[in-house]
Amino acid sequence: MDIVFIKELCIETVIGIYDWERKIKQFVCIDLELGTDISNASNSDVIDDTVDYKAVSRH
């Protein structure tokens, strides 16, 4: 298994459920470790064989 590391990804965004939160931008920082098998991508060098981040974000 391979691990994709994303460290200190910080974005400024509108987030929250209260009205006051929805009126201001806040910083959100993420550290992520994603275990996956990327051997096909490393062997083929084809982008479609890599991690589909859009699909990951849906789960």
N, C-alpha and C. Protein backbone atom coordinates (compact mmCIF):
# COMPACT_ATOMS: atom_id res chain seq x y z
N MET A 1 0.85 -1.18 0.00
CA MET A 1 0.00 0.00 0.00
C MET A 1 0.89 1.24 0.00
N ASP A 2 0.48 2.21 -0.76
CA ASP A 2 1.16 3.50 -0.81
C ASP A 2 0.38 4.49 0.03
N ILE A 3 1.05 5.54 0.48
CA ILE A 3 0.38 6.56 1.27
C ILE A 3 0.61 7.92 0.62
N VAL A 4 -0.47 8.63 0.35
CA VAL A 4 -0.41 10.00 -0.15
C VAL A 4 -0.51 10.90 1.08
N PHE A 5 0.49 11.75 1.27
CA PHE A 5 0.51 12.68 2.40
C PHE A 5 0.19 14.09 1.91
N ILE A 6 -0.75 14.73 2.57
CA ILE A 6 -1.02 16.15 2.35
C ILE A 6 -0.84 16.80 3.72
N LYS A 7 0.12 17.70 3.82
CA LYS A 7 0.42 18.31 5.11
C LYS A 7 0.28 19.82 5.03
N GLU A 8 -0.39 20.36 6.03
CA GLU A 8 -0.54 21.80 6.19
C GLU A 8 -1.18 22.46 4.96
N LEU A 9 -2.19 21.82 4.41
CA LEU A 9 -2.96 22.44 3.34
C LEU A 9 -3.93 23.41 4.00
N CYS A 10 -3.70 24.70 3.81
CA CYS A 10 -4.52 25.72 4.45
C CYS A 10 -5.23 26.55 3.38
N ILE A 11 -6.52 26.70 3.59
CA ILE A 11 -7.33 27.51 2.67
C ILE A 11 -8.18 28.47 3.48
N GLU A 12 -8.50 29.58 2.87
CA GLU A 12 -9.40 30.55 3.48
C GLU A 12 -10.76 30.36 2.82
N THR A 13 -11.78 30.12 3.64
CA THR A 13 -13.09 29.80 3.08
C THR A 13 -14.20 30.24 4.02
N VAL A 14 -15.40 30.23 3.53
CA VAL A 14 -16.59 30.48 4.36
C VAL A 14 -17.09 29.12 4.82
N ILE A 15 -17.17 28.93 6.13
CA ILE A 15 -17.58 27.65 6.69
C ILE A 15 -18.32 27.90 7.99
N GLY A 16 -19.31 27.09 8.25
CA GLY A 16 -20.03 27.21 9.51
C GLY A 16 -21.53 27.09 9.33
N ILE A 17 -22.22 27.06 10.46
CA ILE A 17 -23.68 26.94 10.42
C ILE A 17 -24.38 28.19 10.95
N TYR A 18 -23.67 29.00 11.71
CA TYR A 18 -24.28 30.21 12.26
C TYR A 18 -24.14 31.37 11.28
N ASP A 19 -25.09 32.29 11.32
CA ASP A 19 -25.07 33.42 10.40
C ASP A 19 -23.76 34.20 10.46
N TRP A 20 -23.24 34.44 11.68
CA TRP A 20 -22.00 35.21 11.80
C TRP A 20 -20.83 34.48 11.15
N GLU A 21 -20.84 33.14 11.20
CA GLU A 21 -19.78 32.36 10.57
C GLU A 21 -19.85 32.46 9.05
N ARG A 22 -21.06 32.55 8.53
CA ARG A 22 -21.25 32.59 7.08
C ARG A 22 -20.93 33.96 6.50
N LYS A 23 -20.66 34.95 7.36
CA LYS A 23 -20.34 36.31 6.89
C LYS A 23 -18.85 36.59 6.87
N ILE A 24 -18.03 35.69 7.41
CA ILE A 24 -16.58 35.92 7.47
C ILE A 24 -15.84 34.74 6.85
N LYS A 25 -14.62 35.00 6.44
CA LYS A 25 -13.77 33.92 5.96
C LYS A 25 -12.91 33.44 7.12
N GLN A 26 -12.72 32.12 7.17
CA GLN A 26 -11.90 31.51 8.20
C GLN A 26 -10.86 30.61 7.54
N PHE A 27 -9.74 30.42 8.22
CA PHE A 27 -8.72 29.51 7.71
C PHE A 27 -9.03 28.09 8.19
N VAL A 28 -8.94 27.16 7.27
CA VAL A 28 -9.09 25.74 7.58
C VAL A 28 -7.79 25.07 7.13
N CYS A 29 -7.16 24.32 8.04
CA CYS A 29 -5.91 23.63 7.72
C CYS A 29 -6.13 22.12 7.86
N ILE A 30 -5.58 21.38 6.91
CA ILE A 30 -5.81 19.94 6.84
C ILE A 30 -4.48 19.19 6.75
N ASP A 31 -4.37 18.13 7.53
CA ASP A 31 -3.32 17.13 7.38
C ASP A 31 -4.03 15.83 7.05
N LEU A 32 -3.57 15.15 6.01
CA LEU A 32 -4.27 13.95 5.55
C LEU A 32 -3.26 12.87 5.16
N GLU A 33 -3.57 11.64 5.53
CA GLU A 33 -2.83 10.48 5.07
C GLU A 33 -3.84 9.56 4.39
N LEU A 34 -3.62 9.28 3.11
CA LEU A 34 -4.55 8.47 2.33
C LEU A 34 -3.84 7.21 1.86
N GLY A 35 -4.25 6.07 2.40
CA GLY A 35 -3.67 4.79 2.00
C GLY A 35 -4.34 4.30 0.73
N THR A 36 -3.55 3.97 -0.27
CA THR A 36 -4.09 3.51 -1.55
C THR A 36 -3.02 2.75 -2.32
N ASP A 37 -3.40 2.09 -3.37
CA ASP A 37 -2.46 1.39 -4.24
C ASP A 37 -2.29 2.21 -5.51
N ILE A 38 -1.14 2.83 -5.68
CA ILE A 38 -0.90 3.62 -6.89
C ILE A 38 0.15 2.97 -7.80
N SER A 39 0.31 1.67 -7.65
CA SER A 39 1.31 0.97 -8.47
C SER A 39 0.97 1.02 -9.96
N ASN A 40 -0.31 0.96 -10.30
CA ASN A 40 -0.68 1.06 -11.73
C ASN A 40 -0.24 2.39 -12.31
N ALA A 41 -0.43 3.46 -11.55
CA ALA A 41 -0.05 4.79 -12.04
C ALA A 41 1.46 4.91 -12.20
N SER A 42 2.20 4.35 -11.25
CA SER A 42 3.66 4.46 -11.35
C SER A 42 4.21 3.61 -12.50
N ASN A 43 3.51 2.55 -12.85
CA ASN A 43 3.95 1.71 -13.97
C ASN A 43 3.51 2.24 -15.33
N SER A 44 2.32 2.85 -15.38
CA SER A 44 1.77 3.27 -16.67
C SER A 44 2.03 4.72 -17.01
N ASP A 45 2.21 5.57 -15.99
CA ASP A 45 2.36 7.01 -16.18
C ASP A 45 1.13 7.62 -16.87
N VAL A 46 -0.04 7.02 -16.59
CA VAL A 46 -1.31 7.49 -17.15
C VAL A 46 -2.11 8.16 -16.03
N ILE A 47 -2.56 9.37 -16.25
CA ILE A 47 -3.25 10.14 -15.21
C ILE A 47 -4.51 9.45 -14.71
N ASP A 48 -5.19 8.72 -15.59
CA ASP A 48 -6.42 8.03 -15.18
C ASP A 48 -6.16 6.88 -14.20
N ASP A 49 -4.91 6.48 -14.05
CA ASP A 49 -4.56 5.42 -13.10
C ASP A 49 -4.22 5.96 -11.71
N THR A 50 -4.22 7.27 -11.55
CA THR A 50 -3.87 7.87 -10.26
C THR A 50 -5.10 8.00 -9.38
N VAL A 51 -4.91 8.57 -8.20
CA VAL A 51 -6.00 8.78 -7.25
C VAL A 51 -6.95 9.84 -7.82
N ASP A 52 -8.22 9.53 -7.84
CA ASP A 52 -9.25 10.48 -8.29
C ASP A 52 -9.70 11.28 -7.07
N TYR A 53 -9.13 12.46 -6.88
CA TYR A 53 -9.42 13.26 -5.69
C TYR A 53 -10.88 13.70 -5.62
N LYS A 54 -11.50 13.86 -6.76
CA LYS A 54 -12.92 14.23 -6.77
C LYS A 54 -13.75 13.10 -6.17
N ALA A 55 -13.45 11.86 -6.53
CA ALA A 55 -14.16 10.71 -5.98
C ALA A 55 -13.88 10.56 -4.48
N VAL A 56 -12.63 10.80 -4.08
CA VAL A 56 -12.27 10.70 -2.67
C VAL A 56 -13.04 11.72 -1.84
N SER A 57 -13.19 12.92 -2.36
CA SER A 57 -13.85 13.99 -1.59
C SER A 57 -15.34 13.74 -1.42
N ARG A 58 -15.92 12.84 -2.19
CA ARG A 58 -17.35 12.53 -2.07
C ARG A 58 -17.63 11.58 -0.91
N HIS A 59 -16.61 10.93 -0.35
CA HIS A 59 -16.82 9.91 0.69
C HIS A 59 -16.45 10.40 2.04
